[in-house]
Amino acid sequence: MDGTIEVSYTVMCKNDVRIEITLSELLANEKVLRTIKGEFAKGLRNIEVSTKEDVPVTLKTAKTIHTFTASKNDFADLLELAEEDARTHKRLKKECEGVELVDIRTVD
């Protein structure tokens, strides 16, 4: 196969966070509720905050997405190439050991 592909990846670290809570759990927290009321209903009394749906809210570590290009022939080795690119650009720090592929796009 001739052509190139663009690979996007992020660096995975030990202290990365991904927590999913529901909106009702968030609104059940007294400190969160007090903050919402203070910000959006300042000076008003007897305010009730409710939600119609139990929507999930995700708290996760913000990640920088890095990209590089590779030959279509190297498709089977993309993970290794992404790790090599991260090492080359010194993106793998003390607490960061691996990479996660985010997107693979055909360029031509």
PDB file of N, CA and C in Angstrom:
ATOM      1  N   MET A   1       0.839  -1.184   0.000  1.00  0.00           N
ATOM      2  CA  MET A   1       0.000   0.000   0.000  1.00  0.00           C
ATOM      3  C   MET A   1       0.879   1.241   0.000  1.00  0.00           C
ATOM      4  N   ASP A   2       0.615   2.119  -0.923  1.00  0.00           N
ATOM      5  CA  ASP A   2       1.323   3.386  -0.976  1.00  0.00           C
ATOM      6  C   ASP A   2       0.503   4.441  -0.256  1.00  0.00           C
ATOM      7  N   GLY A   3       1.180   5.445   0.272  1.00  0.00           N
ATOM      8  CA  GLY A   3       0.492   6.545   0.934  1.00  0.00           C
ATOM      9  C   GLY A   3       0.917   6.685   2.381  1.00  0.00           C
ATOM     10  N   THR A   4       0.345   7.687   3.024  1.00  0.00           N
ATOM     11  CA  THR A   4       0.690   7.944   4.416  1.00  0.00           C
ATOM     12  C   THR A   4      -0.579   8.068   5.255  1.00  0.00           C
ATOM     13  N   ILE A   5      -0.393   7.871   6.546  1.00  0.00           N
ATOM     14  CA  ILE A   5      -1.478   8.048   7.499  1.00  0.00           C
ATOM     15  C   ILE A   5      -1.007   8.973   8.610  1.00  0.00           C
ATOM     16  N   GLU A   6      -1.943   9.726   9.157  1.00  0.00           N
ATOM     17  CA  GLU A   6      -1.640  10.622  10.267  1.00  0.00           C
ATOM     18  C   GLU A   6      -2.165   9.960  11.546  1.00  0.00           C
ATOM     19  N   VAL A   7      -1.296   9.823  12.513  1.00  0.00           N
ATOM     20  CA  VAL A   7      -1.628   9.145  13.766  1.00  0.00           C
ATOM     21  C   VAL A   7      -1.631  10.166  14.896  1.00  0.00           C
ATOM     22  N   SER A   8      -2.692  10.163  15.688  1.00  0.00           N
ATOM     23  CA  SER A   8      -2.788  11.035  16.858  1.00  0.00           C
ATOM     24  C   SER A   8      -2.728  10.171  18.107  1.00  0.00           C
ATOM     25  N   TYR A   9      -2.011  10.638  19.113  1.00  0.00           N
ATOM     26  CA  TYR A   9      -1.882   9.879  20.358  1.00  0.00           C
ATOM     27  C   TYR A   9      -1.754  10.813  21.545  1.00  0.00           C
ATOM     28  N   THR A  10      -2.011  10.276  22.732  1.00  0.00           N
ATOM     29  CA  THR A  10      -1.787  10.996  23.983  1.00  0.00           C
ATOM     30  C   THR A  10      -0.864  10.163  24.847  1.00  0.00           C
ATOM     31  N   VAL A  11      -0.197  10.804  25.781  1.00  0.00           N
ATOM     32  CA  VAL A  11       0.718  10.126  26.694  1.00  0.00           C
ATOM     33  C   VAL A  11      -0.066   9.727  27.946  1.00  0.00           C
ATOM     34  N   MET A  12       0.045   8.473  28.368  1.00  0.00           N
ATOM     35  CA  MET A  12      -0.641   7.973  29.557  1.00  0.00           C
ATOM     36  C   MET A  12       0.296   8.061  30.759  1.00  0.00           C
ATOM     37  N   CYS A  13      -0.230   8.586  31.863  1.00  0.00           N
ATOM     38  CA  CYS A  13       0.555   8.728  33.086  1.00  0.00           C
ATOM     39  C   CYS A  13      -0.143   8.014  34.242  1.00  0.00           C
ATOM     40  N   LYS A  14       0.621   7.707  35.284  1.00  0.00           N
ATOM     41  CA  LYS A  14       0.077   6.991  36.443  1.00  0.00           C
ATOM     42  C   LYS A  14      -0.966   7.802  37.192  1.00  0.00           C
ATOM     43  N   ASN A  15      -0.832   9.125  37.236  1.00  0.00           N
ATOM     44  CA  ASN A  15      -1.758   9.944  38.003  1.00  0.00           C
ATOM     45  C   ASN A  15      -2.925  10.479  37.176  1.00  0.00           C
ATOM     46  N   ASP A  16      -3.196   9.904  36.010  1.00  0.00           N
ATOM     47  CA  ASP A  16      -4.339  10.310  35.199  1.00  0.00           C
ATOM     48  C   ASP A  16      -5.631   9.944  35.926  1.00  0.00           C
ATOM     49  N   VAL A  17      -6.643  10.782  35.747  1.00  0.00           N
ATOM     50  CA  VAL A  17      -7.917  10.601  36.430  1.00  0.00           C
ATOM     51  C   VAL A  17      -9.033  10.488  35.407  1.00  0.00           C
ATOM     52  N   ARG A  18      -9.974   9.583  35.653  1.00  0.00           N
ATOM     53  CA  ARG A  18     -11.212   9.495  34.870  1.00  0.00           C
ATOM     54  C   ARG A  18     -12.303   9.008  35.814  1.00  0.00           C
ATOM     55  N   ILE A  19     -13.158   9.949  36.238  1.00  0.00           N
ATOM     56  CA  ILE A  19     -14.244   9.651  37.165  1.00  0.00           C
ATOM     57  C   ILE A  19     -15.548  10.037  36.489  1.00  0.00           C
ATOM     58  N   GLU A  20     -16.524   9.149  36.548  1.00  0.00           N
ATOM     59  CA  GLU A  20     -17.834   9.440  35.984  1.00  0.00           C
ATOM     60  C   GLU A  20     -18.871   9.427  37.097  1.00  0.00           C
ATOM     61  N   ILE A  21     -19.573  10.553  37.256  1.00  0.00           N
ATOM     62  CA  ILE A  21     -20.635  10.654  38.250  1.00  0.00           C
ATOM     63  C   ILE A  21     -21.897  11.163  37.549  1.00  0.00           C
ATOM     64  N   THR A  22     -23.038  10.952  38.165  1.00  0.00           N
ATOM     65  CA  THR A  22     -24.274  11.429  37.559  1.00  0.00           C
ATOM     66  C   THR A  22     -24.561  12.848  38.036  1.00  0.00           C
ATOM     67  N   LEU A  23     -25.381  13.536  37.284  1.00  0.00           N
ATOM     68  CA  LEU A  23     -25.724  14.907  37.623  1.00  0.00           C
ATOM     69  C   LEU A  23     -26.478  14.970  38.950  1.00  0.00           C
ATOM     70  N   SER A  24     -27.297  13.970  39.225  1.00  0.00           N
ATOM     71  CA  SER A  24     -28.030  13.957  40.496  1.00  0.00           C
ATOM     72  C   SER A  24     -27.075  13.780  41.678  1.00  0.00           C
ATOM     73  N   GLU A  25     -26.011  12.975  41.509  1.00  0.00           N
ATOM     74  CA  GLU A  25     -25.003  12.834  42.564  1.00  0.00           C
ATOM     75  C   GLU A  25     -24.276  14.157  42.794  1.00  0.00           C
ATOM     76  N   LEU A  26     -23.998  14.857  41.711  1.00  0.00           N
ATOM     77  CA  LEU A  26     -23.327  16.145  41.801  1.00  0.00           C
ATOM     78  C   LEU A  26     -24.197  17.169  42.526  1.00  0.00           C
ATOM     79  N   LEU A  27     -25.499  17.185  42.200  1.00  0.00           N
ATOM     80  CA  LEU A  27     -26.411  18.129  42.837  1.00  0.00           C
ATOM     81  C   LEU A  27     -26.743  17.740  44.273  1.00  0.00           C
ATOM     82  N   ALA A  28     -26.483  16.515  44.657  1.00  0.00           N
ATOM     83  CA  ALA A  28     -26.719  16.077  46.027  1.00  0.00           C
ATOM     84  C   ALA A  28     -25.634  16.595  46.974  1.00  0.00           C
ATOM     85  N   ASN A  29     -24.502  17.005  46.427  1.00  0.00           N
ATOM     86  CA  ASN A  29     -23.411  17.532  47.233  1.00  0.00           C
ATOM     87  C   ASN A  29     -23.750  18.951  47.679  1.00  0.00           C
ATOM     88  N   GLU A  30     -23.754  19.179  48.984  1.00  0.00           N
ATOM     89  CA  GLU A  30     -24.164  20.465  49.542  1.00  0.00           C
ATOM     90  C   GLU A  30     -23.263  21.616  49.096  1.00  0.00           C
ATOM     91  N   LYS A  31     -21.959  21.382  49.019  1.00  0.00           N
ATOM     92  CA  LYS A  31     -21.027  22.447  48.620  1.00  0.00           C
ATOM     93  C   LYS A  31     -21.250  22.857  47.162  1.00  0.00           C
ATOM     94  N   VAL A  32     -21.482  21.872  46.303  1.00  0.00           N
ATOM     95  CA  VAL A  32     -21.731  22.158  44.883  1.00  0.00           C
ATOM     96  C   VAL A  32     -23.033  22.932  44.739  1.00  0.00           C
ATOM     97  N   LEU A  33     -24.057  22.498  45.436  1.00  0.00           N
ATOM     98  CA  LEU A  33     -25.361  23.155  45.377  1.00  0.00           C
ATOM     99  C   LEU A  33     -25.281  24.596  45.874  1.00  0.00           C
ATOM    100  N   ARG A  34     -24.566  24.814  46.948  1.00  0.00           N
ATOM    101  CA  ARG A  34     -24.398  26.158  47.506  1.00  0.00           C
ATOM    102  C   ARG A  34     -23.663  27.049  46.495  1.00  0.00           C
ATOM    103  N   THR A  35     -22.647  26.507  45.834  1.00  0.00           N
ATOM    104  CA  THR A  35     -21.891  27.276  44.841  1.00  0.00           C
ATOM    105  C   THR A  35     -22.776  27.649  43.648  1.00  0.00           C
ATOM    106  N   ILE A  36     -23.568  26.707  43.162  1.00  0.00           N
ATOM    107  CA  ILE A  36     -24.463  26.984  42.032  1.00  0.00           C
ATOM    108  C   ILE A  36     -25.466  28.066  42.404  1.00  0.00           C
ATOM    109  N   LYS A  37     -26.064  27.941  43.575  1.00  0.00           N
ATOM    110  CA  LYS A  37     -27.033  28.952  44.019  1.00  0.00           C
ATOM    111  C   LYS A  37     -26.371  30.307  44.186  1.00  0.00           C
ATOM    112  N   GLY A  38     -25.177  30.338  44.744  1.00  0.00           N
ATOM    113  CA  GLY A  38     -24.463  31.592  44.934  1.00  0.00           C
ATOM    114  C   GLY A  38     -24.079  32.261  43.630  1.00  0.00           C
ATOM    115  N   GLU A  39     -23.794  31.468  42.617  1.00  0.00           N
ATOM    116  CA  GLU A  39     -23.374  32.020  41.324  1.00  0.00           C
ATOM    117  C   GLU A  39     -24.550  32.463  40.462  1.00  0.00           C
ATOM    118  N   PHE A  40     -25.624  31.666  40.428  1.00  0.00           N
ATOM    119  CA  PHE A  40     -26.718  31.939  39.502  1.00  0.00           C
ATOM    120  C   PHE A  40     -27.984  32.490  40.157  1.00  0.00           C
ATOM    121  N   ALA A  41     -28.101  32.435  41.474  1.00  0.00           N
ATOM    122  CA  ALA A  41     -29.304  32.937  42.151  1.00  0.00           C
ATOM    123  C   ALA A  41     -28.905  33.762  43.364  1.00  0.00           C
ATOM    124  N   LYS A  42     -27.940  34.616  43.199  1.00  0.00           N
ATOM    125  CA  LYS A  42     -27.411  35.414  44.301  1.00  0.00           C
ATOM    126  C   LYS A  42     -28.502  36.312  44.887  1.00  0.00           C
ATOM    127  N   GLY A  43     -28.662  36.246  46.208  1.00  0.00           N
ATOM    128  CA  GLY A  43     -29.626  37.089  46.893  1.00  0.00           C
ATOM    129  C   GLY A  43     -31.047  36.561  46.912  1.00  0.00           C
ATOM    130  N   LEU A  44     -31.308  35.472  46.222  1.00  0.00           N
ATOM    131  CA  LEU A  44     -32.660  34.895  46.192  1.00  0.00           C
ATOM    132  C   LEU A  44     -32.807  33.846  47.278  1.00  0.00           C
ATOM    133  N   ARG A  45     -34.022  33.662  47.751  1.00  0.00           N
ATOM    134  CA  ARG A  45     -34.289  32.686  48.808  1.00  0.00           C
ATOM    135  C   ARG A  45     -35.210  31.590  48.293  1.00  0.00           C
ATOM    136  N   ASN A  46     -35.186  30.465  49.002  1.00  0.00           N
ATOM    137  CA  ASN A  46     -36.056  29.318  48.705  1.00  0.00           C
ATOM    138  C   ASN A  46     -35.892  28.838  47.257  1.00  0.00           C
ATOM    139  N   ILE A  47     -34.666  28.681  46.840  1.00  0.00           N
ATOM    140  CA  ILE A  47     -34.352  28.214  45.487  1.00  0.00           C
ATOM    141  C   ILE A  47     -34.097  26.710  45.538  1.00  0.00           C
ATOM    142  N   GLU A  48     -34.682  25.994  44.597  1.00  0.00           N
ATOM    143  CA  GLU A  48     -34.500  24.548  44.501  1.00  0.00           C
ATOM    144  C   GLU A  48     -33.851  24.232  43.155  1.00  0.00           C
ATOM    145  N   VAL A  49     -32.844  23.380  43.159  1.00  0.00           N
ATOM    146  CA  VAL A  49     -32.150  22.978  41.937  1.00  0.00           C
ATOM    147  C   VAL A  49     -32.525  21.531  41.649  1.00  0.00           C
ATOM    148  N   SER A  50     -32.979  21.250  40.424  1.00  0.00           N
ATOM    149  CA  SER A  50     -33.362  19.888  40.056  1.00  0.00           C
ATOM    150  C   SER A  50     -32.972  19.618  38.611  1.00  0.00           C
ATOM    151  N   THR A  51     -33.014  18.361  38.242  1.00  0.00           N
ATOM    152  CA  THR A  51     -32.692  17.948  36.881  1.00  0.00           C
ATOM    153  C   THR A  51     -33.723  16.934  36.408  1.00  0.00           C
ATOM    154  N   LYS A  52     -34.027  16.943  35.121  1.00  0.00           N
ATOM    155  CA  LYS A  52     -35.001  16.011  34.569  1.00  0.00           C
ATOM    156  C   LYS A  52     -34.358  14.668  34.229  1.00  0.00           C
ATOM    157  N   GLU A  53     -33.118  14.699  33.791  1.00  0.00           N
ATOM    158  CA  GLU A  53     -32.420  13.483  33.377  1.00  0.00           C
ATOM    159  C   GLU A  53     -31.206  13.247  34.255  1.00  0.00           C
ATOM    160  N   ASP A  54     -30.843  11.995  34.391  1.00  0.00           N
ATOM    161  CA  ASP A  54     -29.658  11.634  35.152  1.00  0.00           C
ATOM    162  C   ASP A  54     -28.475  11.519  34.185  1.00  0.00           C
ATOM    163  N   VAL A  55     -27.943  12.641  33.796  1.00  0.00           N
ATOM    164  CA  VAL A  55     -26.875  12.731  32.798  1.00  0.00           C
ATOM    165  C   VAL A  55     -25.527  12.451  33.453  1.00  0.00           C
ATOM    166  N   PRO A  56     -24.690  11.608  32.839  1.00  0.00           N
ATOM    167  CA  PRO A  56     -23.350  11.377  33.415  1.00  0.00           C
ATOM    168  C   PRO A  56     -22.427  12.574  33.171  1.00  0.00           C
ATOM    169  N   VAL A  57     -21.627  12.885  34.177  1.00  0.00           N
ATOM    170  CA  VAL A  57     -20.632  13.954  34.099  1.00  0.00           C
ATOM    171  C   VAL A  57     -19.272  13.287  34.281  1.00  0.00           C
ATOM    172  N   THR A  58     -18.340  13.568  33.381  1.00  0.00           N
ATOM    173  CA  THR A  58     -17.031  12.937  33.426  1.00  0.00           C
ATOM    174  C   THR A  58     -15.972  13.952  33.838  1.00  0.00           C
ATOM    175  N   LEU A  59     -15.177  13.572  34.829  1.00  0.00           N
ATOM    176  CA  LEU A  59     -14.022  14.366  35.246  1.00  0.00           C
ATOM    177  C   LEU A  59     -12.790  13.591  34.809  1.00  0.00           C
ATOM    178  N   LYS A  60     -11.979  14.193  33.952  1.00  0.00           N
ATOM    179  CA  LYS A  60     -10.793  13.481  33.487  1.00  0.00           C
ATOM    180  C   LYS A  60      -9.636  14.444  33.277  1.00  0.00           C
ATOM    181  N   THR A  61      -8.468  13.891  33.259  1.00  0.00           N
ATOM    182  CA  THR A  61      -7.246  14.665  33.066  1.00  0.00           C
ATOM    183  C   THR A  61      -7.221  15.223  31.644  1.00  0.00           C
ATOM    184  N   ALA A  62      -6.939  16.502  31.526  1.00  0.00           N
ATOM    185  CA  ALA A  62      -6.823  17.126  30.206  1.00  0.00           C
ATOM    186  C   ALA A  62      -5.549  16.610  29.539  1.00  0.00           C
ATOM    187  N   LYS A  63      -5.674  16.184  28.313  1.00  0.00           N
ATOM    188  CA  LYS A  63      -4.559  15.593  27.582  1.00  0.00           C
ATOM    189  C   LYS A  63      -4.223  16.406  26.344  1.00  0.00           C
ATOM    190  N   THR A  64      -2.951  16.471  26.020  1.00  0.00           N
ATOM    191  CA  THR A  64      -2.486  17.072  24.780  1.00  0.00           C
ATOM    192  C   THR A  64      -2.401  15.970  23.735  1.00  0.00           C
ATOM    193  N   ILE A  65      -2.953  16.228  22.564  1.00  0.00           N
ATOM    194  CA  ILE A  65      -2.922  15.244  21.484  1.00  0.00           C
ATOM    195  C   ILE A  65      -1.741  15.575  20.572  1.00  0.00           C
ATOM    196  N   HIS A  66      -0.873  14.591  20.385  1.00  0.00           N
ATOM    197  CA  HIS A  66       0.307  14.733  19.535  1.00  0.00           C
ATOM    198  C   HIS A  66       0.071  13.944  18.255  1.00  0.00           C
ATOM    199  N   THR A  67       0.637  14.397  17.144  1.00  0.00           N
ATOM    200  CA  THR A  67       0.456  13.709  15.861  1.00  0.00           C
ATOM    201  C   THR A  67       1.791  13.468  15.169  1.00  0.00           C
ATOM    202  N   PHE A  68       1.798  12.452  14.350  1.00  0.00           N
ATOM    203  CA  PHE A  68       2.930  12.188  13.466  1.00  0.00           C
ATOM    204  C   PHE A  68       2.388  11.455  12.245  1.00  0.00           C
ATOM    205  N   THR A  69       3.180  11.407  11.181  1.00  0.00           N
ATOM    206  CA  THR A  69       2.763  10.698   9.973  1.00  0.00           C
ATOM    207  C   THR A  69       3.624   9.458   9.788  1.00  0.00           C
ATOM    208  N   ALA A  70       2.995   8.446   9.210  1.00  0.00           N
ATOM    209  CA  ALA A  70       3.692   7.185   8.958  1.00  0.00           C
ATOM    210  C   ALA A  70       3.205   6.621   7.633  1.00  0.00           C
ATOM    211  N   SER A  71       3.952   5.688   7.126  1.00  0.00           N
ATOM    212  CA  SER A  71       3.579   5.018   5.887  1.00  0.00           C
ATOM    213  C   SER A  71       2.449   4.030   6.170  1.00  0.00           C
ATOM    214  N   LYS A  72       1.579   3.818   5.190  1.00  0.00           N
ATOM    215  CA  LYS A  72       0.499   2.837   5.355  1.00  0.00           C
ATOM    216  C   LYS A  72       1.057   1.439   5.585  1.00  0.00           C
ATOM    217  N   ASN A  73       2.268   1.183   5.104  1.00  0.00           N
ATOM    218  CA  ASN A  73       2.901  -0.116   5.306  1.00  0.00           C
ATOM    219  C   ASN A  73       3.235  -0.375   6.780  1.00  0.00           C
ATOM    220  N   ASP A  74       3.346   0.678   7.561  1.00  0.00           N
ATOM    221  CA  ASP A  74       3.694   0.558   8.977  1.00  0.00           C
ATOM    222  C   ASP A  74       2.472   0.469   9.883  1.00  0.00           C
ATOM    223  N   PHE A  75       1.299   0.187   9.321  1.00  0.00           N
ATOM    224  CA  PHE A  75       0.062   0.180  10.099  1.00  0.00           C
ATOM    225  C   PHE A  75       0.135  -0.751  11.307  1.00  0.00           C
ATOM    226  N   ALA A  76       0.715  -1.916  11.152  1.00  0.00           N
ATOM    227  CA  ALA A  76       0.788  -2.893  12.242  1.00  0.00           C
ATOM    228  C   ALA A  76       1.686  -2.421  13.389  1.00  0.00           C
ATOM    229  N   ASP A  77       2.585  -1.509  13.115  1.00  0.00           N
ATOM    230  CA  ASP A  77       3.547  -1.040  14.122  1.00  0.00           C
ATOM    231  C   ASP A  77       3.238   0.356  14.652  1.00  0.00           C
ATOM    232  N   LEU A  78       2.014   0.846  14.487  1.00  0.00           N
ATOM    233  CA  LEU A  78       1.704   2.229  14.857  1.00  0.00           C
ATOM    234  C   LEU A  78       1.897   2.506  16.337  1.00  0.00           C
ATOM    235  N   LEU A  79       1.544   1.571  17.197  1.00  0.00           N
ATOM    236  CA  LEU A  79       1.705   1.786  18.632  1.00  0.00           C
ATOM    237  C   LEU A  79       3.182   1.954  18.978  1.00  0.00           C
ATOM    238  N   GLU A  80       4.021   1.089  18.440  1.00  0.00           N
ATOM    239  CA  GLU A  80       5.466   1.200  18.674  1.00  0.00           C
ATOM    240  C   GLU A  80       6.026   2.500  18.104  1.00  0.00           C
ATOM    241  N   LEU A  81       5.540   2.900  16.919  1.00  0.00           N
ATOM    242  CA  LEU A  81       5.997   4.155  16.317  1.00  0.00           C
ATOM    243  C   LEU A  81       5.562   5.362  17.148  1.00  0.00           C
ATOM    244  N   ALA A  82       4.362   5.299  17.722  1.00  0.00           N
ATOM    245  CA  ALA A  82       3.882   6.393  18.579  1.00  0.00           C
ATOM    246  C   ALA A  82       4.738   6.489  19.842  1.00  0.00           C
ATOM    247  N   GLU A  83       5.076   5.339  20.440  1.00  0.00           N
ATOM    248  CA  GLU A  83       5.949   5.349  21.616  1.00  0.00           C
ATOM    249  C   GLU A  83       7.329   5.897  21.266  1.00  0.00           C
ATOM    250  N   GLU A  84       7.842   5.526  20.112  1.00  0.00           N
ATOM    251  CA  GLU A  84       9.147   6.020  19.662  1.00  0.00           C
ATOM    252  C   GLU A  84       9.101   7.533  19.442  1.00  0.00           C
ATOM    253  N   ASP A  85       7.998   8.035  18.847  1.00  0.00           N
ATOM    254  CA  ASP A  85       7.833   9.470  18.632  1.00  0.00           C
ATOM    255  C   ASP A  85       7.779  10.210  19.971  1.00  0.00           C
ATOM    256  N   ALA A  86       7.101   9.633  20.944  1.00  0.00           N
ATOM    257  CA  ALA A  86       7.010  10.251  22.274  1.00  0.00           C
ATOM    258  C   ALA A  86       8.383  10.293  22.945  1.00  0.00           C
ATOM    259  N   ARG A  87       9.151   9.223  22.805  1.00  0.00           N
ATOM    260  CA  ARG A  87      10.504   9.196  23.372  1.00  0.00           C
ATOM    261  C   ARG A  87      11.409  10.206  22.676  1.00  0.00           C
ATOM    262  N   THR A  88      11.317  10.274  21.356  1.00  0.00           N
ATOM    263  CA  THR A  88      12.140  11.192  20.570  1.00  0.00           C
ATOM    264  C   THR A  88      11.895  12.644  20.979  1.00  0.00           C
ATOM    265  N   HIS A  89      10.630  12.997  21.216  1.00  0.00           N
ATOM    266  CA  HIS A  89      10.274  14.369  21.584  1.00  0.00           C
ATOM    267  C   HIS A  89      10.232  14.570  23.104  1.00  0.00           C
ATOM    268  N   LYS A  90      10.738  13.590  23.850  1.00  0.00           N
ATOM    269  CA  LYS A  90      10.846  13.644  25.319  1.00  0.00           C
ATOM    270  C   LYS A  90       9.507  13.947  25.988  1.00  0.00           C
ATOM    271  N   ARG A  91       8.456  13.248  25.535  1.00  0.00           N
ATOM    272  CA  ARG A  91       7.121  13.405  26.116  1.00  0.00           C
ATOM    273  C   ARG A  91       6.863  12.386  27.216  1.00  0.00           C
ATOM    274  N   LEU A  92       7.675  11.340  27.268  1.00  0.00           N
ATOM    275  CA  LEU A  92       7.530  10.324  28.311  1.00  0.00           C
ATOM    276  C   LEU A  92       8.355  10.772  29.511  1.00  0.00           C
ATOM    277  N   LYS A  93       7.669  11.233  30.535  1.00  0.00           N
ATOM    278  CA  LYS A  93       8.334  11.728  31.743  1.00  0.00           C
ATOM    279  C   LYS A  93       8.436  10.602  32.769  1.00  0.00           C
ATOM    280  N   LYS A  94       8.802  10.949  33.990  1.00  0.00           N
ATOM    281  CA  LYS A  94       9.024   9.984  35.058  1.00  0.00           C
ATOM    282  C   LYS A  94       7.778   9.143  35.354  1.00  0.00           C
ATOM    283  N   GLU A  95       6.617   9.766  35.468  1.00  0.00           N
ATOM    284  CA  GLU A  95       5.374   9.066  35.804  1.00  0.00           C
ATOM    285  C   GLU A  95       4.577   8.636  34.570  1.00  0.00           C
ATOM    286  N   CYS A  96       5.081   8.923  33.391  1.00  0.00           N
ATOM    287  CA  CYS A  96       4.370   8.615  32.149  1.00  0.00           C
ATOM    288  C   CYS A  96       5.105   7.512  31.398  1.00  0.00           C
ATOM    289  N   GLU A  97       4.407   6.415  31.165  1.00  0.00           N
ATOM    290  CA  GLU A  97       5.090   5.256  30.606  1.00  0.00           C
ATOM    291  C   GLU A  97       4.629   4.817  29.228  1.00  0.00           C
ATOM    292  N   GLY A  98       3.418   5.130  28.844  1.00  0.00           N
ATOM    293  CA  GLY A  98       2.925   4.613  27.577  1.00  0.00           C
ATOM    294  C   GLY A  98       2.138   5.647  26.806  1.00  0.00           C
ATOM    295  N   VAL A  99       1.640   5.232  25.642  1.00  0.00           N
ATOM    296  CA  VAL A  99       0.834   6.106  24.805  1.00  0.00           C
ATOM    297  C   VAL A  99      -0.495   5.428  24.500  1.00  0.00           C
ATOM    298  N   GLU A 100      -1.483   6.245  24.173  1.00  0.00           N
ATOM    299  CA  GLU A 100      -2.798   5.757  23.772  1.00  0.00           C
ATOM    300  C   GLU A 100      -3.100   6.338  22.402  1.00  0.00           C
ATOM    301  N   LEU A 101      -3.411   5.484  21.441  1.00  0.00           N
ATOM    302  CA  LEU A 101      -3.758   5.968  20.108  1.00  0.00           C
ATOM    303  C   LEU A 101      -5.148   6.581  20.160  1.00  0.00           C
ATOM    304  N   VAL A 102      -5.282   7.772  19.608  1.00  0.00           N
ATOM    305  CA  VAL A 102      -6.555   8.482  19.638  1.00  0.00           C
ATOM    306  C   VAL A 102      -7.242   8.408  18.290  1.00  0.00           C
ATOM    307  N   ASP A 103      -6.494   8.630  17.201  1.00  0.00           N
ATOM    308  CA  ASP A 103      -7.092   8.677  15.870  1.00  0.00           C
ATOM    309  C   ASP A 103      -6.069   8.255  14.821  1.00  0.00           C
ATOM    310  N   ILE A 104      -6.569   7.608  13.794  1.00  0.00           N
ATOM    311  CA  ILE A 104      -5.718   7.220  12.645  1.00  0.00           C
ATOM    312  C   ILE A 104      -6.462   7.703  11.399  1.00  0.00           C
ATOM    313  N   ARG A 105      -5.827   8.581  10.635  1.00  0.00           N
ATOM    314  CA  ARG A 105      -6.437   9.160   9.445  1.00  0.00           C
ATOM    315  C   ARG A 105      -5.589   8.939   8.226  1.00  0.00           C
ATOM    316  N   THR A 106      -6.204   8.582   7.113  1.00  0.00           N
ATOM    317  CA  THR A 106      -5.493   8.431   5.849  1.00  0.00           C
ATOM    318  C   THR A 106      -5.274   9.811   5.243  1.00  0.00           C
ATOM    319  N   VAL A 107      -4.024  10.128   4.926  1.00  0.00           N
ATOM    320  CA  VAL A 107      -3.701  11.427   4.336  1.00  0.00           C
ATOM    321  C   VAL A 107      -3.771  11.336   2.815  1.00  0.00           C
ATOM    322  N   ASP A 108      -3.115  10.352   2.236  1.00  0.00           N
ATOM    323  CA  ASP A 108      -3.187  10.142   0.783  1.00  0.00           C
ATOM    324  C   ASP A 108      -2.864   8.723   0.427  1.00  0.00           C
TER     325      ASP A 108
END
